[in-house]
Amino acid sequence: MSDTENKLNSENTNDSTGQQPHAAEVDVNEELAALYAQVEDLKAQAAELESLKARNSELSDQFMRAKADAENARRRAEDDVSKARKFGIESFAQDLLAVADSLDAALAIESATTEQLLEGTKATQSQLLSVFERNKLQAVAPEVGSKFDPNLHQAISAVPAEQESGTVVSVLQRGYAISDRILRPALVVVAA
């Protein structure tokens, strides 16, 4: 007998006795086990993919809601700024209405004496200054002899004076400021 025949006979003998399985059977079982493991791995990956898709959808929904909320907040802020610009002086305007009423009342008196006009003018000025104070509008009126400040004053002219150079000689017109912001500088004459 040849070696090949001996080999075949020995394989057949092992199969019929059930002692040793063929190499082909072992390979098929291993392949089936590997394929089963791959199927299980693919099932796990598919489950993970579905979970990730659901999470992605949830996060996308949250993002869209947050984006819409941010857009709404931006619009509300723009509306608030617009209203503040439009109606920011409403309180000041309401306070000034009393001053306007006083002026109208003064003009309605046809036969007012000089004393009455002077008294009414002083009362109206007091009323106006009270409105300025309530609305944080402050007068800028430097004292004569104080140092000229270009941030607060506007020099109209410089005149020779006995005072130190660069000091205020006279105030032609008061300036006004709201808090630290100058609305109008005081018009002054300074010493040369």
Protein backbone atom coordinates (compact mmCIF):
# COMPACT_ATOMS: atom_id res chain seq x y z
CA MET A 1 0.00 0.00 0.00
CA SER A 2 1.03 3.48 -0.71
CA ASP A 3 1.34 6.24 1.87
CA THR A 4 -1.72 7.97 0.51
CA GLU A 5 -3.83 4.90 0.79
CA ASN A 6 -2.60 4.26 4.32
CA LYS A 7 -3.53 7.79 5.23
CA LEU A 8 -7.01 7.46 3.77
CA ASN A 9 -7.57 4.17 5.53
CA SER A 10 -6.48 5.60 8.84
CA GLU A 11 -8.87 8.57 8.40
CA ASN A 12 -11.75 6.29 7.54
CA THR A 13 -10.97 4.07 10.49
CA ASN A 14 -10.99 7.02 12.87
CA ASP A 15 -14.31 8.29 11.49
CA SER A 16 -16.14 5.06 11.81
CA THR A 17 -14.97 4.52 15.36
CA GLY A 18 -15.76 8.13 16.33
CA GLN A 19 -12.39 8.63 17.87
CA GLN A 20 -11.02 11.58 15.85
CA PRO A 21 -13.11 13.99 13.71
CA HIS A 22 -11.92 15.07 10.34
CA ALA A 23 -9.95 18.27 10.03
CA ALA A 24 -12.69 19.55 7.74
CA GLU A 25 -15.27 19.10 10.48
CA VAL A 26 -13.09 20.96 12.97
CA ASP A 27 -12.60 23.83 10.50
CA VAL A 28 -16.36 24.06 9.84
CA ASN A 29 -17.16 24.16 13.55
CA GLU A 30 -14.53 26.83 14.14
CA GLU A 31 -15.86 28.83 11.19
CA LEU A 32 -19.42 28.52 12.50
CA ALA A 33 -18.30 29.66 15.96
CA ALA A 34 -16.41 32.60 14.42
CA LEU A 35 -19.42 33.53 12.28
CA TYR A 36 -21.73 33.26 15.31
CA ALA A 37 -19.37 35.55 17.25
CA GLN A 38 -19.38 38.01 14.33
CA VAL A 39 -23.19 37.93 14.20
CA GLU A 40 -23.36 38.62 17.94
CA ASP A 41 -20.81 41.43 17.55
CA LEU A 42 -22.85 42.91 14.67
CA LYS A 43 -26.02 42.72 16.79
CA ALA A 44 -24.24 44.56 19.60
CA GLN A 45 -22.95 47.17 17.14
CA ALA A 46 -26.46 47.55 15.64
CA ALA A 47 -27.91 48.06 19.15
CA GLU A 48 -25.17 50.60 19.92
CA LEU A 49 -25.86 52.34 16.59
CA GLU A 50 -29.57 52.58 17.40
CA SER A 51 -28.71 53.95 20.84
CA LEU A 52 -26.37 56.52 19.27
CA LYS A 53 -29.00 57.48 16.70
CA ALA A 54 -31.54 58.05 19.48
CA ARG A 55 -29.00 60.09 21.49
CA ASN A 56 -28.11 62.07 18.36
CA SER A 57 -31.79 62.80 17.74
CA GLU A 58 -32.24 63.87 21.37
CA LEU A 59 -29.19 66.15 21.26
CA SER A 60 -30.28 67.58 17.92
CA ASP A 61 -33.69 68.37 19.40
CA GLN A 62 -32.07 69.99 22.46
CA PHE A 63 -29.78 72.03 20.20
CA MET A 64 -32.68 73.26 18.09
CA ARG A 65 -34.63 74.24 21.23
CA ALA A 66 -31.61 76.04 22.70
CA LYS A 67 -31.03 77.82 19.40
CA ALA A 68 -34.67 78.93 19.28
CA ASP A 69 -34.49 80.08 22.93
CA ALA A 70 -31.33 82.06 22.18
CA GLU A 71 -32.96 83.66 19.14
CA ASN A 72 -36.04 84.57 21.20
CA ALA A 73 -33.85 86.03 23.95
CA ARG A 74 -31.92 88.06 21.34
CA ARG A 75 -35.18 89.41 19.88
CA ARG A 76 -36.51 90.28 23.36
CA ALA A 77 -33.25 92.06 24.19
CA GLU A 78 -33.44 94.03 20.93
CA ASP A 79 -37.04 94.99 21.74
CA ASP A 80 -36.04 96.04 25.25
CA VAL A 81 -33.18 98.18 23.92
CA SER A 82 -35.47 99.70 21.31
CA LYS A 83 -38.10 100.51 23.94
CA ALA A 84 -35.45 101.91 26.29
CA ARG A 85 -34.22 104.21 23.53
CA LYS A 86 -37.74 105.20 22.57
CA PHE A 87 -39.21 105.62 26.05
CA GLY A 88 -36.09 106.17 28.17
CA ILE A 89 -36.92 109.82 28.71
CA GLU A 90 -40.56 109.15 29.57
CA SER A 91 -40.04 109.83 33.29
CA PHE A 92 -38.11 113.02 32.53
CA ALA A 93 -40.77 114.15 30.06
CA GLN A 94 -43.56 113.54 32.59
CA ASP A 95 -41.65 115.61 35.17
CA LEU A 96 -41.26 118.44 32.64
CA LEU A 97 -45.01 118.55 32.01
CA ALA A 98 -45.48 120.25 35.40
CA VAL A 99 -42.99 122.93 34.37
CA ALA A 100 -44.81 123.42 31.07
CA ASP A 101 -48.11 123.73 32.93
CA SER A 102 -46.62 126.42 35.18
CA LEU A 103 -45.40 128.36 32.16
CA ASP A 104 -48.83 128.07 30.50
CA ALA A 105 -50.50 129.31 33.69
CA ALA A 106 -48.11 132.29 33.86
CA LEU A 107 -48.81 133.22 30.25
CA ALA A 108 -52.58 132.95 30.84
CA ILE A 109 -52.47 135.83 33.34
CA GLU A 110 -52.93 138.95 31.21
CA SER A 111 -52.57 141.62 33.83
CA ALA A 112 -49.75 140.21 35.97
CA THR A 113 -47.57 142.62 37.88
CA THR A 114 -43.79 142.54 37.66
CA GLU A 115 -43.63 141.09 41.15
CA GLN A 116 -46.06 138.30 40.21
CA LEU A 117 -44.06 137.49 37.04
CA LEU A 118 -40.80 137.44 39.01
CA GLU A 119 -42.31 135.23 41.72
CA GLY A 120 -43.83 132.88 39.11
CA THR A 121 -40.54 132.70 37.20
CA LYS A 122 -38.62 131.83 40.38
CA ALA A 123 -41.20 129.15 41.28
CA THR A 124 -40.99 127.69 37.76
CA GLN A 125 -37.19 127.72 37.87
CA SER A 126 -37.28 125.94 41.23
CA GLN A 127 -39.66 123.40 39.76
CA LEU A 128 -37.33 122.88 36.78
CA LEU A 129 -34.26 122.45 39.00
CA SER A 130 -36.19 119.89 41.04
CA VAL A 131 -36.95 117.96 37.82
CA PHE A 132 -33.23 118.11 36.90
CA GLU A 133 -32.25 116.79 40.32
CA ARG A 134 -34.71 113.88 40.20
CA ASN A 135 -33.37 112.90 36.79
CA LYS A 136 -29.67 113.18 37.74
CA LEU A 137 -29.09 116.24 35.55
CA GLN A 138 -26.47 118.38 37.27
CA ALA A 139 -25.41 121.94 36.52
CA VAL A 140 -21.77 122.59 35.69
CA ALA A 141 -21.09 126.12 36.91
CA PRO A 142 -17.49 126.73 37.96
CA GLU A 143 -16.74 129.38 40.54
CA VAL A 144 -14.86 132.50 39.53
CA GLY A 145 -11.17 131.90 40.18
CA SER A 146 -11.37 128.11 39.80
CA LYS A 147 -9.00 126.37 37.37
CA PHE A 148 -10.21 126.01 33.78
CA ASP A 149 -11.03 122.36 32.96
CA PRO A 150 -11.39 121.65 29.22
CA ASN A 151 -13.40 118.51 30.04
CA LEU A 152 -16.10 120.55 31.78
CA HIS A 153 -15.71 124.08 30.38
CA GLN A 154 -15.50 125.75 27.01
CA ALA A 155 -13.45 128.94 26.91
CA ILE A 156 -15.12 131.64 24.82
CA SER A 157 -12.33 134.12 25.26
CA ALA A 158 -9.23 134.89 27.27
CA VAL A 159 -8.89 138.30 28.88
CA PRO A 160 -6.14 139.94 30.86
CA ALA A 161 -7.02 139.72 34.54
CA GLU A 162 -5.45 140.03 37.95
CA GLN A 163 -6.17 136.35 38.51
CA GLU A 164 -3.78 133.53 37.78
CA SER A 165 -3.59 132.59 34.10
CA GLY A 166 -5.88 129.68 33.13
CA THR A 167 -8.54 130.38 35.76
CA VAL A 168 -12.20 131.21 35.23
CA VAL A 169 -12.93 134.95 35.17
CA SER A 170 -16.69 134.67 34.53
CA VAL A 171 -19.35 132.11 33.60
CA LEU A 172 -21.45 133.08 30.58
CA GLN A 173 -23.63 129.98 30.54
CA ARG A 174 -23.93 126.97 32.85
CA GLY A 175 -23.14 123.54 31.48
CA TYR A 176 -24.98 120.35 32.30
CA ALA A 177 -24.01 116.74 32.90
CA ILE A 178 -25.85 113.48 33.48
CA SER A 179 -23.81 111.52 36.00
CA ASP A 180 -20.24 111.83 34.65
CA ARG A 181 -21.19 112.57 31.05
CA ILE A 182 -21.13 116.17 29.90
CA LEU A 183 -24.20 117.19 27.88
CA ARG A 184 -23.04 120.76 27.43
CA PRO A 185 -19.86 122.35 28.75
CA ALA A 186 -20.06 125.57 30.73
CA LEU A 187 -19.20 128.63 28.62
CA VAL A 188 -16.53 130.63 30.44
CA VAL A 189 -14.10 133.51 30.05
CA VAL A 190 -10.59 132.67 31.28
CA ALA A 191 -7.68 134.78 32.49
CA ALA A 192 -4.89 135.17 29.96
